[in-house]
PDB file of all heavy atoms in Angstrom:
ATOM      1  N   PHE A   1      47.390  73.389  84.830  1.00  0.00           N
ATOM      2  CA  PHE A   1      48.304  74.215  84.037  1.00  0.00           C
ATOM      3  C   PHE A   1      48.939  75.340  84.861  1.00  0.00           C
ATOM      4  O   PHE A   1      50.089  75.700  84.655  1.00  0.00           O
ATOM      5  CB  PHE A   1      47.565  74.837  82.845  1.00  0.00           C
ATOM      6  CG  PHE A   1      47.031  73.830  81.867  1.00  0.00           C
ATOM      7  CD1 PHE A   1      45.730  73.355  81.968  1.00  0.00           C
ATOM      8  CD2 PHE A   1      47.840  73.340  80.846  1.00  0.00           C
ATOM      9  CE1 PHE A   1      45.232  72.415  81.068  1.00  0.00           C
ATOM     10  CE2 PHE A   1      47.350  72.400  79.944  1.00  0.00           C
ATOM     11  CZ  PHE A   1      46.048  71.937  80.059  1.00  0.00           C
ATOM     12  N   VAL A   2      48.154  75.895  85.772  1.00  0.00           N
ATOM     13  CA  VAL A   2      48.594  77.077  86.531  1.00  0.00           C
ATOM     14  C   VAL A   2      48.784  76.717  88.004  1.00  0.00           C
ATOM     15  O   VAL A   2      47.874  76.149  88.622  1.00  0.00           O
ATOM     16  CB  VAL A   2      47.546  78.216  86.392  1.00  0.00           C
ATOM     17  CG1 VAL A   2      47.871  79.372  87.324  1.00  0.00           C
ATOM     18  CG2 VAL A   2      47.464  78.690  84.948  1.00  0.00           C
ATOM     19  N   TYR A   3      49.962  77.062  88.549  1.00  0.00           N
ATOM     20  CA  TYR A   3      50.170  76.831  89.980  1.00  0.00           C
ATOM     21  C   TYR A   3      49.450  77.902  90.794  1.00  0.00           C
ATOM     22  O   TYR A   3      48.761  77.617  91.761  1.00  0.00           O
ATOM     23  CB  TYR A   3      51.657  76.818  90.316  1.00  0.00           C
ATOM     24  CG  TYR A   3      51.893  76.694  91.812  1.00  0.00           C
ATOM     25  CD1 TYR A   3      51.610  75.501  92.468  1.00  0.00           C
ATOM     26  CD2 TYR A   3      52.333  77.774  92.569  1.00  0.00           C
ATOM     27  CE1 TYR A   3      51.768  75.385  93.839  1.00  0.00           C
ATOM     28  CE2 TYR A   3      52.501  77.667  93.939  1.00  0.00           C
ATOM     29  CZ  TYR A   3      52.215  76.472  94.570  1.00  0.00           C
ATOM     30  OH  TYR A   3      52.365  76.361  95.937  1.00  0.00           O
ATOM     31  N   CYS A   4      49.615  79.158  90.400  1.00  0.00           N
ATOM     32  CA  CYS A   4      48.940  80.242  91.114  1.00  0.00           C
ATOM     33  C   CYS A   4      48.960  81.518  90.277  1.00  0.00           C
ATOM     34  O   CYS A   4      49.699  81.645  89.300  1.00  0.00           O
ATOM     35  CB  CYS A   4      49.597  80.520  92.474  1.00  0.00           C
ATOM     36  SG  CYS A   4      51.234  81.301  92.343  1.00  0.00           S
ATOM     37  N   PHE A   5      48.108  82.460  90.667  1.00  0.00           N
ATOM     38  CA  PHE A   5      48.215  83.846  90.238  1.00  0.00           C
ATOM     39  C   PHE A   5      48.877  84.597  91.389  1.00  0.00           C
ATOM     40  O   PHE A   5      48.622  84.275  92.560  1.00  0.00           O
ATOM     41  CB  PHE A   5      46.827  84.448  89.973  1.00  0.00           C
ATOM     42  CG  PHE A   5      46.059  83.749  88.887  1.00  0.00           C
ATOM     43  CD1 PHE A   5      45.011  82.891  89.202  1.00  0.00           C
ATOM     44  CD2 PHE A   5      46.385  83.941  87.557  1.00  0.00           C
ATOM     45  CE1 PHE A   5      44.297  82.246  88.209  1.00  0.00           C
ATOM     46  CE2 PHE A   5      45.682  83.299  86.550  1.00  0.00           C
ATOM     47  CZ  PHE A   5      44.640  82.446  86.875  1.00  0.00           C
ATOM     48  N   TRP A   6      49.687  85.586  91.083  1.00  0.00           N
ATOM     49  CA  TRP A   6      50.349  86.317  92.170  1.00  0.00           C
ATOM     50  C   TRP A   6      50.306  87.820  91.931  1.00  0.00           C
ATOM     51  O   TRP A   6      50.144  88.280  90.807  1.00  0.00           O
ATOM     52  CB  TRP A   6      51.787  85.843  92.380  1.00  0.00           C
ATOM     53  CG  TRP A   6      52.682  85.902  91.166  1.00  0.00           C
ATOM     54  CD1 TRP A   6      52.975  84.880  90.302  1.00  0.00           C
ATOM     55  CD2 TRP A   6      53.418  87.043  90.682  1.00  0.00           C
ATOM     56  NE1 TRP A   6      53.828  85.308  89.313  1.00  0.00           N
ATOM     57  CE2 TRP A   6      54.122  86.628  89.519  1.00  0.00           C
ATOM     58  CE3 TRP A   6      53.561  88.358  91.105  1.00  0.00           C
ATOM     59  CZ2 TRP A   6      54.951  87.489  88.792  1.00  0.00           C
ATOM     60  CZ3 TRP A   6      54.372  89.225  90.385  1.00  0.00           C
ATOM     61  CH2 TRP A   6      55.067  88.780  89.243  1.00  0.00           C
ATOM     62  N   GLN A   7      50.407  88.545  93.027  1.00  0.00           N
ATOM     63  CA  GLN A   7      50.415  90.009  92.974  1.00  0.00           C
ATOM     64  C   GLN A   7      51.492  90.529  93.909  1.00  0.00           C
ATOM     65  O   GLN A   7      51.611  90.076  95.048  1.00  0.00           O
ATOM     66  CB  GLN A   7      49.049  90.557  93.403  1.00  0.00           C
ATOM     67  CG  GLN A   7      48.971  92.083  93.412  1.00  0.00           C
ATOM     68  CD  GLN A   7      47.631  92.578  93.927  1.00  0.00           C
ATOM     69  OE1 GLN A   7      47.129  92.073  94.938  1.00  0.00           O
ATOM     70  NE2 GLN A   7      47.049  93.561  93.262  1.00  0.00           N
ATOM     71  N   LEU A   8      52.281  91.469  93.430  1.00  0.00           N
ATOM     72  CA  LEU A   8      53.308  92.132  94.234  1.00  0.00           C
ATOM     73  C   LEU A   8      53.092  93.626  94.086  1.00  0.00           C
ATOM     74  O   LEU A   8      53.239  94.175  92.988  1.00  0.00           O
ATOM     75  CB  LEU A   8      54.704  91.739  93.739  1.00  0.00           C
ATOM     76  CG  LEU A   8      55.888  92.336  94.507  1.00  0.00           C
ATOM     77  CD1 LEU A   8      56.013  91.719  95.904  1.00  0.00           C
ATOM     78  CD2 LEU A   8      57.192  92.131  93.732  1.00  0.00           C
ATOM     79  N   LYS A   9      52.692  94.290  95.185  1.00  0.00           N
ATOM     80  CA  LYS A   9      52.375  95.719  95.055  1.00  0.00           C
ATOM     81  C   LYS A   9      52.768  96.494  96.306  1.00  0.00           C
ATOM     82  O   LYS A   9      52.900  95.935  97.401  1.00  0.00           O
ATOM     83  CB  LYS A   9      50.891  95.912  94.772  1.00  0.00           C
ATOM     84  CG  LYS A   9      49.975  95.566  95.929  1.00  0.00           C
ATOM     85  CD  LYS A   9      48.547  95.993  95.632  1.00  0.00           C
ATOM     86  CE  LYS A   9      47.650  95.777  96.848  1.00  0.00           C
ATOM     87  NZ  LYS A   9      46.300  96.312  96.640  1.00  0.00           N
ATOM     88  N   THR A  10      52.936  97.800  96.106  1.00  0.00           N
ATOM     89  CA  THR A  10      53.235  98.695  97.228  1.00  0.00           C
ATOM     90  C   THR A  10      51.931  99.260  97.781  1.00  0.00           C
ATOM     91  O   THR A  10      51.004  99.550  97.021  1.00  0.00           O
ATOM     92  CB  THR A  10      54.135  99.860  96.779  1.00  0.00           C
ATOM     93  OG1 THR A  10      53.631 100.380  95.541  1.00  0.00           O
ATOM     94  CG2 THR A  10      55.568  99.423  96.581  1.00  0.00           C
ATOM     95  N   LYS A  11      51.879  99.404  99.106  1.00  0.00           N
ATOM     96  CA  LYS A  11      50.732 100.056  99.734  1.00  0.00           C
ATOM     97  C   LYS A  11      50.906 101.575  99.718  1.00  0.00           C
ATOM     98  O   LYS A  11      49.943 102.322  99.744  1.00  0.00           O
ATOM     99  CB  LYS A  11      50.569  99.554 101.172  1.00  0.00           C
ATOM    100  CG  LYS A  11      50.113  98.115 101.247  1.00  0.00           C
ATOM    101  CD  LYS A  11      49.576  97.775 102.624  1.00  0.00           C
ATOM    102  CE  LYS A  11      50.651  97.135 103.464  1.00  0.00           C
ATOM    103  NZ  LYS A  11      50.170  96.632 104.758  1.00  0.00           N
ATOM    104  N   GLU A  12      52.153 102.001  99.716  1.00  0.00           N
ATOM    105  CA  GLU A  12      52.500 103.420  99.599  1.00  0.00           C
ATOM    106  C   GLU A  12      53.901 103.500  99.001  1.00  0.00           C
ATOM    107  O   GLU A  12      54.652 102.512  99.050  1.00  0.00           O
ATOM    108  CB  GLU A  12      52.451 104.114 100.965  1.00  0.00           C
ATOM    109  CG  GLU A  12      53.346 103.461 102.016  1.00  0.00           C
ATOM    110  CD  GLU A  12      53.193 104.108 103.390  1.00  0.00           C
ATOM    111  OE1 GLU A  12      53.906 105.108 103.633  1.00  0.00           O
ATOM    112  OE2 GLU A  12      52.375 103.617 104.187  1.00  0.00           O
ATOM    113  N   PRO A  13      54.281 104.628  98.401  1.00  0.00           N
ATOM    114  CA  PRO A  13      55.604 104.719  97.774  1.00  0.00           C
ATOM    115  C   PRO A  13      56.739 104.440  98.762  1.00  0.00           C
ATOM    116  O   PRO A  13      56.662 104.827  99.942  1.00  0.00           O
ATOM    117  CB  PRO A  13      55.649 106.158  97.259  1.00  0.00           C
ATOM    118  CG  PRO A  13      54.218 106.548  97.094  1.00  0.00           C
ATOM    119  CD  PRO A  13      53.479 105.839  98.199  1.00  0.00           C
ATOM    120  N   LEU A  14      57.766 103.769  98.300  1.00  0.00           N
ATOM    121  CA  LEU A  14      58.926 103.431  99.127  1.00  0.00           C
ATOM    122  C   LEU A  14      59.957 104.561  99.079  1.00  0.00           C
ATOM    123  O   LEU A  14      59.933 105.406  98.181  1.00  0.00           O
ATOM    124  CB  LEU A  14      59.565 102.129  98.613  1.00  0.00           C
ATOM    125  CG  LEU A  14      58.633 100.930  98.419  1.00  0.00           C
ATOM    126  CD1 LEU A  14      59.387  99.767  97.786  1.00  0.00           C
ATOM    127  CD2 LEU A  14      58.018 100.503  99.749  1.00  0.00           C
ATOM    128  N   HIS A  15      60.878 104.545 100.043  1.00  0.00           N
ATOM    129  CA  HIS A  15      61.929 105.573 100.069  1.00  0.00           C
ATOM    130  C   HIS A  15      62.998 105.321  99.015  1.00  0.00           C
ATOM    131  O   HIS A  15      63.631 106.245  98.518  1.00  0.00           O
ATOM    132  CB  HIS A  15      62.580 105.638 101.461  1.00  0.00           C
ATOM    133  CG  HIS A  15      61.633 106.103 102.530  1.00  0.00           C
ATOM    134  ND1 HIS A  15      60.954 107.302 102.443  1.00  0.00           N
ATOM    135  CD2 HIS A  15      61.238 105.523 103.694  1.00  0.00           C
ATOM    136  CE1 HIS A  15      60.185 107.451 103.515  1.00  0.00           C
ATOM    137  NE2 HIS A  15      60.331 106.379 104.284  1.00  0.00           N
ATOM    138  N   LYS A  16      63.197 104.026  98.695  1.00  0.00           N
ATOM    139  CA  LYS A  16      64.197 103.696  97.666  1.00  0.00           C
ATOM    140  C   LYS A  16      63.671 102.547  96.813  1.00  0.00           C
ATOM    141  O   LYS A  16      62.786 101.797  97.242  1.00  0.00           O
ATOM    142  CB  LYS A  16      65.533 103.339  98.311  1.00  0.00           C
ATOM    143  CG  LYS A  16      65.482 102.166  99.267  1.00  0.00           C
ATOM    144  CD  LYS A  16      66.854 101.925  99.894  1.00  0.00           C
ATOM    145  CE  LYS A  16      66.789 100.730 100.833  1.00  0.00           C
ATOM    146  NZ  LYS A  16      68.083 100.439 101.470  1.00  0.00           N
ATOM    147  N   PRO A  17      64.200 102.382  95.601  1.00  0.00           N
ATOM    148  CA  PRO A  17      63.714 101.300  94.720  1.00  0.00           C
ATOM    149  C   PRO A  17      63.835  99.929  95.384  1.00  0.00           C
ATOM    150  O   PRO A  17      64.830  99.647  96.063  1.00  0.00           O
ATOM    151  CB  PRO A  17      64.632 101.399  93.496  1.00  0.00           C
ATOM    152  CG  PRO A  17      65.120 102.802  93.496  1.00  0.00           C
ATOM    153  CD  PRO A  17      65.240 103.193  94.942  1.00  0.00           C
ATOM    154  N   PHE A  18      62.812  99.100  95.181  1.00  0.00           N
ATOM    155  CA  PHE A  18      62.775  97.768  95.794  1.00  0.00           C
ATOM    156  C   PHE A  18      63.482  96.759  94.895  1.00  0.00           C
ATOM    157  O   PHE A  18      63.268  96.724  93.683  1.00  0.00           O
ATOM    158  CB  PHE A  18      61.314  97.346  95.997  1.00  0.00           C
ATOM    159  CG  PHE A  18      61.153  96.010  96.665  1.00  0.00           C
ATOM    160  CD1 PHE A  18      61.529  95.827  97.985  1.00  0.00           C
ATOM    161  CD2 PHE A  18      60.622  94.923  95.971  1.00  0.00           C
ATOM    162  CE1 PHE A  18      61.375  94.590  98.614  1.00  0.00           C
ATOM    163  CE2 PHE A  18      60.465  93.693  96.583  1.00  0.00           C
ATOM    164  CZ  PHE A  18      60.844  93.525  97.904  1.00  0.00           C
ATOM    165  N   ILE A  19      64.334  95.962  95.499  1.00  0.00           N
ATOM    166  CA  ILE A  19      65.004  94.880  94.775  1.00  0.00           C
ATOM    167  C   ILE A  19      64.234  93.587  95.074  1.00  0.00           C
ATOM    168  O   ILE A  19      64.197  93.135  96.220  1.00  0.00           O
ATOM    169  CB  ILE A  19      66.484  94.705  95.213  1.00  0.00           C
ATOM    170  CG1 ILE A  19      67.246  96.036  95.118  1.00  0.00           C
ATOM    171  CG2 ILE A  19      67.157  93.615  94.380  1.00  0.00           C
ATOM    172  CD1 ILE A  19      67.408  96.586  93.725  1.00  0.00           C
ATOM    173  N   TYR A  20      63.610  93.039  94.051  1.00  0.00           N
ATOM    174  CA  TYR A  20      62.823  91.815  94.227  1.00  0.00           C
ATOM    175  C   TYR A  20      63.627  90.618  93.756  1.00  0.00           C
ATOM    176  O   TYR A  20      64.142  90.604  92.648  1.00  0.00           O
ATOM    177  CB  TYR A  20      61.509  91.915  93.435  1.00  0.00           C
ATOM    178  CG  TYR A  20      60.614  90.710  93.613  1.00  0.00           C
ATOM    179  CD1 TYR A  20      60.263  90.266  94.894  1.00  0.00           C
ATOM    180  CD2 TYR A  20      60.107  90.017  92.519  1.00  0.00           C
ATOM    181  CE1 TYR A  20      59.443  89.164  95.066  1.00  0.00           C
ATOM    182  CE2 TYR A  20      59.286  88.912  92.677  1.00  0.00           C
ATOM    183  CZ  TYR A  20      58.953  88.490  93.958  1.00  0.00           C
ATOM    184  OH  TYR A  20      58.152  87.393  94.133  1.00  0.00           O
ATOM    185  N   ARG A  21      63.747  89.624  94.636  1.00  0.00           N
ATOM    186  CA  ARG A  21      64.489  88.412  94.299  1.00  0.00           C
ATOM    187  C   ARG A  21      63.532  87.293  93.917  1.00  0.00           C
ATOM    188  O   ARG A  21      62.602  86.984  94.661  1.00  0.00           O
ATOM    189  CB  ARG A  21      65.356  87.960  95.469  1.00  0.00           C
ATOM    190  CG  ARG A  21      66.192  86.711  95.125  1.00  0.00           C
ATOM    191  CD  ARG A  21      66.874  86.106  96.327  1.00  0.00           C
ATOM    192  NE  ARG A  21      67.741  87.049  96.972  1.00  0.00           N
ATOM    193  CZ  ARG A  21      67.676  87.366  98.260  1.00  0.00           C
ATOM    194  NH1 ARG A  21      66.770  86.818  99.033  1.00  0.00           N
ATOM    195  NH2 ARG A  21      68.507  88.233  98.786  1.00  0.00           N
ATOM    196  N   VAL A  22      63.777  86.687  92.761  1.00  0.00           N
ATOM    197  CA  VAL A  22      63.018  85.519  92.308  1.00  0.00           C
ATOM    198  C   VAL A  22      63.936  84.310  92.410  1.00  0.00           C
ATOM    199  O   VAL A  22      65.032  84.318  91.855  1.00  0.00           O
ATOM    200  CB  VAL A  22      62.556  85.692  90.841  1.00  0.00           C
ATOM    201  CG1 VAL A  22      61.782  84.466  90.376  1.00  0.00           C
ATOM    202  CG2 VAL A  22      61.710  86.948  90.693  1.00  0.00           C
ATOM    203  N   VAL A  23      63.517  83.282  93.147  1.00  0.00           N
ATOM    204  CA  VAL A  23      64.351  82.089  93.286  1.00  0.00           C
ATOM    205  C   VAL A  23      63.992  81.078  92.197  1.00  0.00           C
ATOM    206  O   VAL A  23      62.923  81.151  91.583  1.00  0.00           O
ATOM    207  CB  VAL A  23      64.215  81.447  94.695  1.00  0.00           C
ATOM    208  CG1 VAL A  23      64.484  82.474  95.786  1.00  0.00           C
ATOM    209  CG2 VAL A  23      62.851  80.788  94.902  1.00  0.00           C
ATOM    210  N   SER A  24      64.883  80.136  91.946  1.00  0.00           N
ATOM    211  CA  SER A  24      64.638  79.116  90.910  1.00  0.00           C
ATOM    212  C   SER A  24      63.457  78.236  91.296  1.00  0.00           C
ATOM    213  O   SER A  24      63.455  77.659  92.384  1.00  0.00           O
ATOM    214  CB  SER A  24      65.881  78.245  90.738  1.00  0.00           C
ATOM    215  OG  SER A  24      66.980  79.026  90.344  1.00  0.00           O
ATOM    216  N   ASP A  25      62.469  78.147  90.406  1.00  0.00           N
ATOM    217  CA  ASP A  25      61.305  77.300  90.730  1.00  0.00           C
ATOM    218  C   ASP A  25      60.880  76.385  89.578  1.00  0.00           C
ATOM    219  O   ASP A  25      59.890  75.667  89.686  1.00  0.00           O
ATOM    220  CB  ASP A  25      60.116  78.158  91.193  1.00  0.00           C
ATOM    221  CG  ASP A  25      59.603  79.115  90.116  1.00  0.00           C
ATOM    222  OD1 ASP A  25      60.048  79.005  88.953  1.00  0.00           O
ATOM    223  OD2 ASP A  25      58.759  79.975  90.441  1.00  0.00           O
ATOM    224  N   GLY A  26      61.619  76.417  88.454  1.00  0.00           N
ATOM    225  CA  GLY A  26      61.313  75.511  87.351  1.00  0.00           C
ATOM    226  C   GLY A  26      60.130  75.908  86.497  1.00  0.00           C
ATOM    227  O   GLY A  26      59.722  75.160  85.614  1.00  0.00           O
ATOM    228  N   CYS A  27      59.556  77.099  86.758  1.00  0.00           N
ATOM    229  CA  CYS A  27      58.318  77.502  86.081  1.00  0.00           C
ATOM    230  C   CYS A  27      58.556  78.582  85.030  1.00  0.00           C
ATOM    231  O   CYS A  27      59.613  79.203  84.980  1.00  0.00           O
ATOM    232  CB  CYS A  27      57.320  78.026  87.115  1.00  0.00           C
ATOM    233  SG  CYS A  27      56.853  76.787  88.347  1.00  0.00           S
ATOM    234  N   VAL A  28      57.525  78.816  84.231  1.00  0.00           N
ATOM    235  CA  VAL A  28      57.467  79.967  83.327  1.00  0.00           C
ATOM    236  C   VAL A  28      56.360  80.880  83.847  1.00  0.00           C
ATOM    237  O   VAL A  28      55.285  80.415  84.215  1.00  0.00           O
ATOM    238  CB  VAL A  28      57.143  79.528  81.881  1.00  0.00           C
ATOM    239  CG1 VAL A  28      56.925  80.740  80.977  1.00  0.00           C
ATOM    240  CG2 VAL A  28      58.259  78.642  81.316  1.00  0.00           C
ATOM    241  N   ASP A  29      56.626  82.191  83.908  1.00  0.00           N
ATOM    242  CA  ASP A  29      55.633  83.166  84.375  1.00  0.00           C
ATOM    243  C   ASP A  29      55.337  84.194  83.291  1.00  0.00           C
ATOM    244  O   ASP A  29      56.258  84.665  82.613  1.00  0.00           O
ATOM    245  CB  ASP A  29      56.146  83.931  85.598  1.00  0.00           C
ATOM    246  CG  ASP A  29      56.103  83.125  86.877  1.00  0.00           C
ATOM    247  OD1 ASP A  29      56.548  81.972  86.891  1.00  0.00           O
ATOM    248  OD2 ASP A  29      55.633  83.672  87.883  1.00  0.00           O
TER     249      ASP A  29
END
């Protein structure tokens, strides 16, 4: 049922907001 669990996190605050790109993968998250 599940392909993976994932985590996206900062190690320390960034200087500007991060733009995260999600590519087409056919899944529901």
